[in-house]
């Protein structure tokens, strides 16, 4: 029995379901937002120390968002599809 080209294509599936790729895109957006929140706080004069770099946004909120993004990415990869109909 020879396998035709169309039958072999029906058996081919990606390792990650299509729905999970949407979650991965959301993951990248969350991580990028977290890193963008860390930007800033530089001093115009190198001889003057700028305490603005130690504000709550850069020290606490942004790293929490980045860690949440990575955790969401792990969940997005591991998530199983809702239902698979094998007929």
Protein backbone atom coordinates (compact mmCIF):
# COMPACT_ATOMS: atom_id res chain seq x y z
CA UNK A 1 0.00 0.00 0.00
CA UNK A 2 1.49 3.28 -1.07
CA UNK A 3 0.84 6.40 0.97
CA UNK A 4 -0.26 9.31 -1.16
CA UNK A 5 0.96 12.84 -0.63
CA UNK A 6 -2.41 14.03 0.73
CA UNK A 7 -2.58 11.26 3.35
CA UNK A 8 0.90 12.04 4.64
CA UNK A 9 0.00 15.74 5.03
CA UNK A 10 -3.07 14.88 7.11
CA UNK A 11 -0.90 13.09 9.67
CA UNK A 12 1.52 16.01 10.04
CA UNK A 13 0.92 18.14 13.15
CA UNK A 14 2.95 20.79 14.91
CA UNK A 15 4.23 20.10 18.40
CA UNK A 16 2.35 23.11 19.78
CA UNK A 17 -1.32 23.61 18.86
CA UNK A 18 -2.34 26.70 16.90
CA UNK A 19 -4.20 28.18 19.88
CA UNK A 20 -1.02 28.15 21.97
CA UNK A 21 0.82 30.34 19.46
CA UNK A 22 -1.64 33.13 20.25
CA UNK A 23 -0.73 32.79 23.92
CA UNK A 24 2.98 32.89 23.03
CA UNK A 25 2.50 36.17 21.18
CA UNK A 26 0.77 37.56 24.28
CA UNK A 27 3.74 36.29 26.31
CA UNK A 28 6.21 38.24 24.19
CA UNK A 29 4.11 41.40 24.52
CA UNK A 30 3.97 41.06 28.33
CA UNK A 31 7.75 40.56 28.57
CA UNK A 32 8.47 43.50 26.27
CA UNK A 33 6.16 45.75 28.31
CA UNK A 34 8.01 44.70 31.46
CA UNK A 35 11.38 45.57 29.97
CA UNK A 36 10.07 48.88 28.64
CA UNK A 37 8.94 49.78 32.16
CA UNK A 38 12.54 49.26 33.34
CA UNK A 39 13.92 51.85 30.91
CA UNK A 40 14.95 55.27 32.17
CA UNK A 41 16.37 56.90 35.26
CA UNK A 42 19.61 58.03 33.70
CA UNK A 43 21.33 61.19 34.81
CA UNK A 44 22.07 64.05 32.41
CA UNK A 45 25.29 64.84 34.27
CA UNK A 46 27.56 61.85 35.05
CA UNK A 47 28.82 63.61 38.21
CA UNK A 48 25.32 63.83 39.70
CA UNK A 49 23.58 60.72 41.03
CA UNK A 50 19.93 60.41 40.01
CA UNK A 51 17.72 58.69 42.61
CA UNK A 52 14.89 58.39 40.06
CA UNK A 53 16.32 55.07 38.93
CA UNK A 54 15.24 53.54 42.25
CA UNK A 55 11.51 54.21 41.92
CA UNK A 56 8.87 51.52 42.49
CA UNK A 57 8.13 51.07 38.80
CA UNK A 58 11.69 50.05 37.87
CA UNK A 59 12.58 48.08 40.99
CA UNK A 60 9.34 46.24 41.81
CA UNK A 61 6.57 46.43 39.21
CA UNK A 62 8.59 45.84 36.02
CA UNK A 63 10.45 42.72 37.26
CA UNK A 64 7.16 41.24 38.52
CA UNK A 65 5.62 41.78 35.08
CA UNK A 66 8.62 40.15 33.36
CA UNK A 67 8.54 37.11 35.67
CA UNK A 68 4.77 36.83 35.13
CA UNK A 69 5.41 36.96 31.37
CA UNK A 70 7.88 34.08 31.55
CA UNK A 71 5.50 32.05 33.73
CA UNK A 72 2.68 32.75 31.29
CA UNK A 73 4.96 31.59 28.46
CA UNK A 74 5.65 28.28 30.20
CA UNK A 75 1.91 27.83 30.73
CA UNK A 76 1.26 28.69 27.05
CA UNK A 77 3.66 25.99 25.88
CA UNK A 78 2.39 23.33 28.29
CA UNK A 79 -1.35 24.00 27.81
CA UNK A 80 -3.20 21.09 26.23
CA UNK A 81 -5.83 21.72 23.57
CA UNK A 82 -9.45 21.68 24.72
CA UNK A 83 -10.56 18.71 22.65
CA UNK A 84 -9.20 16.65 19.82
CA UNK A 85 -11.65 14.80 17.60
CA UNK A 86 -10.02 11.74 16.12
CA UNK A 87 -12.45 10.39 13.56
